[in-house]
């Protein structure tokens, strides 16, 4: 075993699968952040801390920015 040079046949990296996995991860982080902020704003609007108009305006703007730029 110690004399084994470790030249085993290792398959090539599956870059297409890595790209798919990273894209999924990035989308989950992106939309998870948006959903978390919307829930926080919704809680503020429901308790009267912020107005409903502000909640709607920020939510629409945030979703539009994410869809357009990310």
N, C-alpha and C. Protein backbone atom coordinates (compact mmCIF):
# COMPACT_ATOMS: atom_id res chain seq x y z
N UNK A 1 0.81 -1.19 0.00
CA UNK A 1 0.00 0.00 0.00
C UNK A 1 0.86 1.26 0.00
N UNK A 2 1.95 1.26 0.71
CA UNK A 2 2.78 2.45 0.77
C UNK A 2 3.45 2.72 -0.57
N UNK A 3 3.64 1.69 -1.38
CA UNK A 3 4.30 1.87 -2.66
C UNK A 3 3.29 2.25 -3.75
N UNK A 4 2.02 2.28 -3.44
CA UNK A 4 1.00 2.63 -4.42
C UNK A 4 1.12 4.11 -4.79
N UNK A 5 1.34 4.44 -6.05
CA UNK A 5 1.55 5.84 -6.43
C UNK A 5 0.24 6.65 -6.52
N UNK A 6 -0.88 6.06 -6.21
CA UNK A 6 -2.18 6.73 -6.21
C UNK A 6 -2.56 7.26 -7.59
N UNK A 7 -2.30 6.52 -8.61
CA UNK A 7 -2.70 6.90 -9.96
C UNK A 7 -3.96 6.13 -10.34
N UNK A 8 -5.00 6.34 -9.61
CA UNK A 8 -6.26 5.68 -9.89
C UNK A 8 -7.00 6.45 -10.98
N UNK A 9 -7.88 5.76 -11.67
CA UNK A 9 -8.67 6.44 -12.68
C UNK A 9 -9.78 7.23 -11.99
N UNK A 10 -9.63 8.53 -12.01
CA UNK A 10 -10.59 9.43 -11.40
C UNK A 10 -11.37 10.10 -12.53
N UNK A 11 -12.70 10.06 -12.47
CA UNK A 11 -13.47 10.69 -13.54
C UNK A 11 -13.24 12.21 -13.57
N UNK A 12 -13.42 12.79 -14.73
CA UNK A 12 -13.25 14.23 -14.88
C UNK A 12 -14.33 14.96 -14.10
N UNK A 13 -14.04 16.20 -13.77
CA UNK A 13 -15.01 17.01 -13.04
C UNK A 13 -16.23 17.25 -13.92
N UNK A 14 -17.39 17.20 -13.32
CA UNK A 14 -18.64 17.43 -14.04
C UNK A 14 -19.00 18.91 -13.87
N UNK A 15 -18.40 19.75 -14.70
CA UNK A 15 -18.58 21.19 -14.54
C UNK A 15 -20.02 21.63 -14.79
N UNK A 16 -20.72 20.98 -15.67
CA UNK A 16 -22.12 21.33 -15.91
C UNK A 16 -22.95 21.12 -14.64
N UNK A 17 -22.69 20.04 -13.95
CA UNK A 17 -23.42 19.77 -12.70
C UNK A 17 -23.03 20.76 -11.61
N UNK A 18 -21.75 21.14 -11.56
CA UNK A 18 -21.30 22.14 -10.58
C UNK A 18 -22.00 23.48 -10.85
N UNK A 19 -22.11 23.86 -12.11
CA UNK A 19 -22.77 25.11 -12.48
C UNK A 19 -24.24 25.07 -12.07
N UNK A 20 -24.92 23.95 -12.31
CA UNK A 20 -26.33 23.82 -11.93
C UNK A 20 -26.49 23.94 -10.42
N UNK A 21 -25.60 23.29 -9.68
CA UNK A 21 -25.67 23.32 -8.22
C UNK A 21 -25.44 24.73 -7.70
N UNK A 22 -24.45 25.42 -8.25
CA UNK A 22 -24.18 26.79 -7.81
C UNK A 22 -25.33 27.72 -8.15
N UNK A 23 -25.91 27.57 -9.34
CA UNK A 23 -27.05 28.40 -9.72
C UNK A 23 -28.23 28.18 -8.78
N UNK A 24 -28.47 26.93 -8.41
CA UNK A 24 -29.54 26.63 -7.46
C UNK A 24 -29.25 27.28 -6.11
N UNK A 25 -28.03 27.14 -5.64
CA UNK A 25 -27.64 27.75 -4.35
C UNK A 25 -27.81 29.26 -4.39
N UNK A 26 -27.32 29.90 -5.47
CA UNK A 26 -27.41 31.36 -5.58
C UNK A 26 -28.87 31.82 -5.62
N UNK A 27 -29.72 31.09 -6.34
CA UNK A 27 -31.13 31.45 -6.40
C UNK A 27 -31.82 31.27 -5.05
N UNK A 28 -31.48 30.21 -4.34
CA UNK A 28 -32.07 30.00 -3.02
C UNK A 28 -31.67 31.10 -2.05
N UNK A 29 -30.40 31.52 -2.10
CA UNK A 29 -29.95 32.60 -1.23
C UNK A 29 -30.64 33.91 -1.61
N UNK A 30 -30.70 34.19 -2.90
CA UNK A 30 -31.31 35.43 -3.38
C UNK A 30 -32.78 35.52 -2.98
N UNK A 31 -33.55 34.51 -3.32
CA UNK A 31 -34.98 34.56 -3.02
C UNK A 31 -35.27 34.35 -1.55
N UNK A 32 -34.41 33.63 -0.85
CA UNK A 32 -34.56 33.49 0.60
C UNK A 32 -34.39 34.82 1.31
N UNK A 33 -33.44 35.61 0.81
CA UNK A 33 -33.24 36.95 1.38
C UNK A 33 -34.44 37.84 1.11
N UNK A 34 -34.96 37.79 -0.11
CA UNK A 34 -36.14 38.59 -0.45
C UNK A 34 -37.33 38.19 0.42
N UNK A 35 -37.56 36.90 0.56
CA UNK A 35 -38.69 36.42 1.37
C UNK A 35 -38.52 36.83 2.83
N UNK A 36 -37.31 36.74 3.35
CA UNK A 36 -37.06 37.15 4.75
C UNK A 36 -37.36 38.63 4.96
N UNK A 37 -36.92 39.46 4.01
CA UNK A 37 -37.20 40.89 4.13
C UNK A 37 -38.68 41.19 3.99
N UNK A 38 -39.36 40.49 3.11
CA UNK A 38 -40.81 40.70 2.95
C UNK A 38 -41.54 40.30 4.23
N UNK A 39 -41.15 39.20 4.84
CA UNK A 39 -41.78 38.78 6.09
C UNK A 39 -41.54 39.80 7.19
N UNK A 40 -40.32 40.34 7.25
CA UNK A 40 -40.01 41.36 8.25
C UNK A 40 -40.85 42.62 8.02
N UNK A 41 -40.93 43.06 6.76
CA UNK A 41 -41.76 44.23 6.46
C UNK A 41 -43.23 43.96 6.73
N UNK A 42 -43.69 42.76 6.42
CA UNK A 42 -45.08 42.40 6.68
C UNK A 42 -45.38 42.44 8.17
N UNK A 43 -44.46 41.96 8.97
CA UNK A 43 -44.66 42.01 10.42
C UNK A 43 -44.73 43.46 10.90
N UNK A 44 -43.87 44.31 10.34
CA UNK A 44 -43.91 45.72 10.71
C UNK A 44 -45.21 46.38 10.30
N UNK A 45 -45.70 46.04 9.10
CA UNK A 45 -46.96 46.61 8.64
C UNK A 45 -48.15 46.09 9.44
N UNK A 46 -48.10 44.83 9.81
CA UNK A 46 -49.21 44.24 10.57
C UNK A 46 -49.32 44.81 11.97
N UNK A 47 -48.20 45.20 12.55
CA UNK A 47 -48.22 45.75 13.91
C UNK A 47 -48.37 47.26 13.92
N UNK A 48 -48.35 47.87 12.73
CA UNK A 48 -48.52 49.31 12.67
C UNK A 48 -47.23 50.09 12.79
N UNK A 49 -46.11 49.40 12.85
CA UNK A 49 -44.82 50.08 12.96
C UNK A 49 -44.49 50.85 11.67
N UNK A 50 -44.82 50.26 10.54
CA UNK A 50 -44.66 50.93 9.25
C UNK A 50 -46.00 50.90 8.53
N UNK A 51 -46.16 51.77 7.55
CA UNK A 51 -47.45 51.82 6.85
C UNK A 51 -47.52 50.70 5.80
N UNK A 52 -48.74 50.37 5.41
CA UNK A 52 -48.95 49.33 4.39
C UNK A 52 -48.44 49.81 3.03
N UNK A 53 -48.58 51.10 2.76
CA UNK A 53 -48.10 51.64 1.49
C UNK A 53 -46.59 51.47 1.39
N UNK A 54 -45.88 51.76 2.48
CA UNK A 54 -44.43 51.58 2.50
C UNK A 54 -44.08 50.12 2.28
N UNK A 55 -44.80 49.23 2.94
CA UNK A 55 -44.58 47.79 2.77
C UNK A 55 -44.74 47.38 1.32
N UNK A 56 -45.82 47.80 0.69
CA UNK A 56 -46.08 47.44 -0.70
C UNK A 56 -45.04 48.05 -1.64
N UNK A 57 -44.69 49.31 -1.42
CA UNK A 57 -43.73 49.99 -2.29
C UNK A 57 -42.36 49.33 -2.21
N UNK A 58 -41.89 49.05 -1.01
CA UNK A 58 -40.57 48.43 -0.84
C UNK A 58 -40.58 47.01 -1.39
N UNK A 59 -41.64 46.27 -1.17
CA UNK A 59 -41.73 44.90 -1.67
C UNK A 59 -41.70 44.86 -3.19
N UNK A 60 -42.49 45.69 -3.82
CA UNK A 60 -42.52 45.73 -5.29
C UNK A 60 -41.17 46.17 -5.84
N UNK A 61 -40.59 47.22 -5.25
CA UNK A 61 -39.29 47.71 -5.71
C UNK A 61 -38.20 46.64 -5.54
N UNK A 62 -38.20 45.96 -4.41
CA UNK A 62 -37.19 44.95 -4.14
C UNK A 62 -37.31 43.78 -5.13
N UNK A 63 -38.50 43.33 -5.39
CA UNK A 63 -38.69 42.22 -6.33
C UNK A 63 -38.31 42.66 -7.74
N UNK A 64 -38.67 43.87 -8.12
CA UNK A 64 -38.31 44.37 -9.46
C UNK A 64 -36.80 44.47 -9.62
N UNK A 65 -36.11 44.94 -8.60
CA UNK A 65 -34.64 45.06 -8.68
C UNK A 65 -34.00 43.68 -8.77
N UNK A 66 -34.46 42.74 -7.97
CA UNK A 66 -33.87 41.40 -8.00
C UNK A 66 -34.10 40.74 -9.36
N UNK A 67 -35.31 40.85 -9.89
CA UNK A 67 -35.61 40.23 -11.17
C UNK A 67 -34.79 40.87 -12.29
N UNK A 68 -34.64 42.19 -12.27
CA UNK A 68 -33.95 42.88 -13.36
C UNK A 68 -32.43 42.71 -13.29
N UNK A 69 -31.85 42.82 -12.12
CA UNK A 69 -30.39 42.87 -12.01
C UNK A 69 -29.73 41.58 -11.55
N UNK A 70 -30.46 40.69 -10.95
CA UNK A 70 -29.83 39.47 -10.45
C UNK A 70 -30.43 38.30 -11.14
